[in-house]
Amino acid sequence: MVISRSQMAQQVMKPGGKKMAKLCAKGKAAAKRKFKVYPSAYANMYASAVCSGKVTPGGKSKSQKRKAVSAQRKQSGGSMVAAGCGMVEDSKRKKTKLYV
């Protein structure tokens, strides 16, 4: 079946009469950096999420994650309680030493 250009434009229109939005340059660039094959479904989904602001390209760096974990360890007094499978009495819990 052959479709003329005017019919094609009508099919691309959304129900509200607006055209489909193109991806922003920031989203395309982030998807090209993240995925080996850019024109793919996953890459386009990631690019649209970056354009809409749902995803921050790059996310947190490893140093920021390490700082957050070390801050949690310092707040807990330098030791964390090891959690097992099921309930364990506080007196029988194993204390794990952390070298900070």
N, C-alpha and C. Protein backbone atom coordinates (compact mmCIF):
# COMPACT_ATOMS: atom_id res chain seq x y z
N MET A 1 0.84 -1.17 0.00
CA MET A 1 0.00 0.00 0.00
C MET A 1 0.90 1.24 0.00
N VAL A 2 0.60 2.19 -0.84
CA VAL A 2 1.38 3.42 -0.96
C VAL A 2 0.66 4.53 -0.21
N ILE A 3 1.41 5.27 0.58
CA ILE A 3 0.86 6.37 1.38
C ILE A 3 1.49 7.66 0.91
N SER A 4 0.65 8.67 0.69
CA SER A 4 1.19 9.97 0.28
C SER A 4 1.78 10.68 1.50
N ARG A 5 2.56 11.74 1.24
CA ARG A 5 3.21 12.47 2.33
C ARG A 5 2.20 13.11 3.27
N SER A 6 1.10 13.61 2.76
CA SER A 6 0.10 14.24 3.63
C SER A 6 -0.56 13.20 4.54
N GLN A 7 -0.81 12.02 4.02
CA GLN A 7 -1.39 10.96 4.85
C GLN A 7 -0.38 10.49 5.90
N MET A 8 0.91 10.48 5.53
CA MET A 8 1.94 10.06 6.46
C MET A 8 2.04 11.06 7.62
N ALA A 9 1.94 12.34 7.31
CA ALA A 9 2.00 13.36 8.35
C ALA A 9 0.81 13.24 9.30
N GLN A 10 -0.35 12.87 8.77
CA GLN A 10 -1.53 12.70 9.60
C GLN A 10 -1.37 11.50 10.53
N GLN A 11 -0.71 10.45 10.06
CA GLN A 11 -0.51 9.28 10.89
C GLN A 11 0.49 9.55 12.01
N VAL A 12 1.46 10.42 11.76
CA VAL A 12 2.48 10.74 12.76
C VAL A 12 1.93 11.66 13.83
N MET A 13 0.88 12.39 13.54
CA MET A 13 0.29 13.32 14.51
C MET A 13 -0.30 12.55 15.70
N LYS A 14 -0.17 13.14 16.88
CA LYS A 14 -0.80 12.58 18.06
C LYS A 14 -2.27 12.98 18.07
N PRO A 15 -3.11 12.36 18.91
CA PRO A 15 -4.53 12.68 18.92
C PRO A 15 -4.84 14.15 19.19
N GLY A 16 -3.99 14.85 19.95
CA GLY A 16 -4.23 16.26 20.26
C GLY A 16 -3.86 17.18 19.11
N GLY A 17 -3.37 16.64 18.01
CA GLY A 17 -2.99 17.46 16.86
C GLY A 17 -1.54 17.89 16.89
N LYS A 18 -0.79 17.45 17.93
CA LYS A 18 0.61 17.82 18.02
C LYS A 18 1.47 16.77 17.33
N LYS A 19 2.58 17.22 16.77
CA LYS A 19 3.51 16.26 16.17
C LYS A 19 4.31 15.59 17.26
N MET A 20 4.85 14.42 16.95
CA MET A 20 5.68 13.71 17.90
C MET A 20 6.97 14.50 18.12
N ALA A 21 7.39 14.60 19.35
CA ALA A 21 8.58 15.37 19.69
C ALA A 21 9.84 14.61 19.30
N LYS A 22 10.84 15.33 18.84
CA LYS A 22 12.12 14.72 18.53
C LYS A 22 12.94 14.62 19.81
N LEU A 23 13.91 13.73 19.81
CA LEU A 23 14.79 13.59 20.96
C LEU A 23 15.74 14.78 21.02
N CYS A 24 16.06 15.21 22.22
CA CYS A 24 16.99 16.32 22.38
C CYS A 24 18.42 15.83 22.11
N ALA A 25 19.30 16.75 21.80
CA ALA A 25 20.69 16.41 21.47
C ALA A 25 21.40 15.80 22.69
N LYS A 26 21.05 16.28 23.87
CA LYS A 26 21.67 15.78 25.10
C LYS A 26 21.33 14.29 25.29
N GLY A 27 20.09 13.93 25.02
CA GLY A 27 19.64 12.55 25.17
C GLY A 27 20.29 11.63 24.16
N LYS A 28 20.38 12.09 22.91
CA LYS A 28 21.02 11.29 21.87
C LYS A 28 22.49 11.04 22.20
N ALA A 29 23.18 12.09 22.64
CA ALA A 29 24.60 11.96 22.96
C ALA A 29 24.81 11.00 24.13
N ALA A 30 23.95 11.08 25.14
CA ALA A 30 24.07 10.18 26.29
C ALA A 30 23.82 8.73 25.88
N ALA A 31 22.86 8.51 24.99
CA ALA A 31 22.56 7.15 24.53
C ALA A 31 23.70 6.60 23.68
N LYS A 32 24.31 7.43 22.88
CA LYS A 32 25.44 6.98 22.05
C LYS A 32 26.64 6.61 22.92
N ARG A 33 26.82 7.31 24.04
CA ARG A 33 27.92 6.98 24.95
C ARG A 33 27.65 5.69 25.71
N LYS A 34 26.39 5.46 26.06
CA LYS A 34 26.05 4.33 26.91
C LYS A 34 25.93 3.01 26.14
N PHE A 35 25.38 3.05 24.93
CA PHE A 35 25.12 1.83 24.18
C PHE A 35 26.04 1.72 22.97
N LYS A 36 26.43 0.49 22.65
CA LYS A 36 27.29 0.27 21.48
C LYS A 36 26.52 0.55 20.19
N VAL A 37 25.27 0.10 20.14
CA VAL A 37 24.43 0.31 18.95
C VAL A 37 23.41 1.39 19.30
N TYR A 38 23.52 2.57 18.66
CA TYR A 38 22.62 3.65 19.05
C TYR A 38 21.20 3.47 18.54
N PRO A 39 20.97 3.30 17.27
CA PRO A 39 19.54 3.24 16.91
C PRO A 39 18.92 1.91 17.32
N SER A 40 18.68 1.76 18.62
CA SER A 40 18.02 0.56 19.13
C SER A 40 16.90 0.98 20.07
N ALA A 41 16.06 0.04 20.40
CA ALA A 41 14.91 0.35 21.26
C ALA A 41 15.38 0.79 22.65
N TYR A 42 16.37 0.08 23.22
CA TYR A 42 16.85 0.43 24.55
C TYR A 42 17.52 1.80 24.56
N ALA A 43 18.31 2.08 23.52
CA ALA A 43 19.01 3.37 23.46
C ALA A 43 18.01 4.51 23.31
N ASN A 44 16.99 4.33 22.49
CA ASN A 44 15.97 5.38 22.33
C ASN A 44 15.17 5.59 23.61
N MET A 45 14.90 4.51 24.33
CA MET A 45 14.18 4.63 25.58
C MET A 45 15.02 5.41 26.60
N TYR A 46 16.33 5.11 26.64
CA TYR A 46 17.23 5.82 27.55
C TYR A 46 17.33 7.29 27.15
N ALA A 47 17.43 7.57 25.85
CA ALA A 47 17.54 8.96 25.37
C ALA A 47 16.28 9.75 25.72
N SER A 48 15.11 9.14 25.56
CA SER A 48 13.88 9.86 25.89
C SER A 48 13.77 10.09 27.39
N ALA A 49 14.28 9.16 28.21
CA ALA A 49 14.27 9.35 29.66
C ALA A 49 15.21 10.49 30.07
N VAL A 50 16.34 10.61 29.37
CA VAL A 50 17.27 11.71 29.66
C VAL A 50 16.63 13.03 29.25
N CYS A 51 15.97 13.06 28.10
CA CYS A 51 15.33 14.30 27.63
C CYS A 51 14.21 14.74 28.57
N SER A 52 13.47 13.79 29.11
CA SER A 52 12.36 14.15 30.00
C SER A 52 12.83 14.46 31.42
N GLY A 53 14.09 14.14 31.73
CA GLY A 53 14.63 14.45 33.04
C GLY A 53 14.48 13.34 34.06
N LYS A 54 14.02 12.16 33.65
CA LYS A 54 13.85 11.05 34.57
C LYS A 54 15.18 10.39 34.93
N VAL A 55 16.16 10.50 34.03
CA VAL A 55 17.47 9.88 34.23
C VAL A 55 18.55 10.94 34.10
N THR A 56 19.53 10.88 35.00
CA THR A 56 20.68 11.77 34.90
C THR A 56 21.78 11.01 34.15
N PRO A 57 22.26 11.52 33.02
CA PRO A 57 23.29 10.78 32.30
C PRO A 57 24.56 10.67 33.13
N GLY A 58 25.07 9.47 33.24
CA GLY A 58 26.27 9.25 34.04
C GLY A 58 25.95 8.83 35.45
N GLY A 59 24.89 9.34 36.03
CA GLY A 59 24.52 8.99 37.40
C GLY A 59 25.55 9.43 38.41
N LYS A 60 25.60 8.74 39.54
CA LYS A 60 26.57 9.06 40.58
C LYS A 60 27.92 8.46 40.22
N SER A 61 28.97 9.16 40.56
CA SER A 61 30.29 8.60 40.35
C SER A 61 30.62 7.63 41.48
N LYS A 62 31.63 6.79 41.27
CA LYS A 62 31.99 5.81 42.28
C LYS A 62 32.46 6.47 43.56
N SER A 63 33.15 7.60 43.44
CA SER A 63 33.64 8.27 44.64
C SER A 63 32.48 8.80 45.48
N GLN A 64 31.41 9.28 44.84
CA GLN A 64 30.24 9.75 45.59
C GLN A 64 29.57 8.59 46.30
N LYS A 65 29.49 7.42 45.65
CA LYS A 65 28.88 6.24 46.28
C LYS A 65 29.71 5.80 47.48
N ARG A 66 31.04 5.81 47.33
CA ARG A 66 31.92 5.40 48.43
C ARG A 66 31.78 6.34 49.61
N LYS A 67 31.68 7.64 49.33
CA LYS A 67 31.53 8.61 50.40
C LYS A 67 30.22 8.39 51.16
N ALA A 68 29.16 8.07 50.44
CA ALA A 68 27.86 7.84 51.07
C ALA A 68 27.91 6.59 51.95
N VAL A 69 28.57 5.53 51.49
CA VAL A 69 28.65 4.30 52.26
C VAL A 69 29.52 4.51 53.50
N SER A 70 30.65 5.22 53.34
CA SER A 70 31.51 5.44 54.49
C SER A 70 30.82 6.33 55.53
N ALA A 71 29.99 7.28 55.09
CA ALA A 71 29.24 8.12 56.03
C ALA A 71 28.25 7.28 56.82
N GLN A 72 27.61 6.31 56.16
CA GLN A 72 26.67 5.42 56.85
C GLN A 72 27.40 4.57 57.88
N ARG A 73 28.59 4.10 57.52
CA ARG A 73 29.36 3.26 58.44
C ARG A 73 29.79 4.06 59.66
N LYS A 74 30.18 5.31 59.45
CA LYS A 74 30.61 6.15 60.57
C LYS A 74 29.45 6.43 61.51
N GLN A 75 28.25 6.61 60.96
CA GLN A 75 27.07 6.87 61.78
C GLN A 75 26.70 5.66 62.63
N SER A 76 26.95 4.46 62.09
CA SER A 76 26.58 3.25 62.82
C SER A 76 27.63 2.87 63.87
N GLY A 77 28.67 3.67 64.03
CA GLY A 77 29.66 3.40 65.06
C GLY A 77 30.83 2.57 64.56
N GLY A 78 30.98 2.43 63.27
CA GLY A 78 32.11 1.68 62.73
C GLY A 78 31.86 0.20 62.59
N SER A 79 30.72 -0.29 63.03
CA SER A 79 30.41 -1.71 62.87
C SER A 79 28.97 -1.83 62.39
N MET A 80 28.74 -2.85 61.61
CA MET A 80 27.40 -3.10 61.10
C MET A 80 26.96 -4.47 61.59
N VAL A 81 25.69 -4.66 61.77
CA VAL A 81 25.16 -5.94 62.21
C VAL A 81 24.92 -6.80 60.99
N ALA A 82 25.48 -8.02 61.01
CA ALA A 82 25.29 -8.93 59.89
C ALA A 82 23.89 -9.53 59.96
N ALA A 83 23.15 -9.42 58.89
CA ALA A 83 21.79 -9.94 58.86
C ALA A 83 21.80 -11.34 58.24
N GLY A 84 21.12 -12.27 58.86
CA GLY A 84 21.06 -13.64 58.35
C GLY A 84 19.70 -13.90 57.73
N CYS A 85 19.40 -15.16 57.54
CA CYS A 85 18.10 -15.55 57.01
C CYS A 85 17.15 -15.76 58.18
N GLY A 86 16.28 -14.85 58.42
CA GLY A 86 15.33 -14.97 59.50
C GLY A 86 15.70 -14.11 60.69
N MET A 87 14.97 -14.29 61.78
CA MET A 87 15.18 -13.49 62.98
C MET A 87 16.37 -14.02 63.78
N VAL A 88 17.17 -13.11 64.28
CA VAL A 88 18.31 -13.46 65.13
C VAL A 88 18.22 -12.56 66.36
N GLU A 89 18.40 -13.15 67.52
CA GLU A 89 18.36 -12.36 68.75
C GLU A 89 19.53 -11.39 68.77
N ASP A 90 19.31 -10.22 69.36
CA ASP A 90 20.35 -9.20 69.41
C ASP A 90 21.61 -9.70 70.13
N SER A 91 21.43 -10.50 71.17
CA SER A 91 22.58 -10.99 71.92
C SER A 91 23.40 -12.00 71.12
N LYS A 92 22.79 -12.64 70.12
CA LYS A 92 23.48 -13.67 69.33
C LYS A 92 23.91 -13.19 67.95
N ARG A 93 23.69 -11.92 67.69
CA ARG A 93 24.09 -11.39 66.38
C ARG A 93 25.59 -11.30 66.28
N LYS A 94 26.08 -11.52 65.08
CA LYS A 94 27.53 -11.41 64.81
C LYS A 94 27.85 -9.97 64.45
N LYS A 95 28.84 -9.41 65.09
CA LYS A 95 29.30 -8.06 64.77
C LYS A 95 30.43 -8.15 63.74
N THR A 96 30.31 -7.40 62.68
CA THR A 96 31.33 -7.38 61.64
C THR A 96 32.18 -6.13 61.81
N LYS A 97 33.49 -6.32 61.88
CA LYS A 97 34.39 -5.17 62.04
C LYS A 97 34.63 -4.52 60.69
N LEU A 98 34.61 -3.21 60.66
CA LEU A 98 34.90 -2.46 59.46
C LEU A 98 36.13 -1.61 59.72
N TYR A 99 37.06 -1.66 58.83
CA TYR A 99 38.27 -0.87 58.97
C TYR A 99 38.13 0.38 58.14
N VAL A 100 37.82 1.49 58.81
CA VAL A 100 37.55 2.74 58.13
C VAL A 100 38.77 3.63 58.20
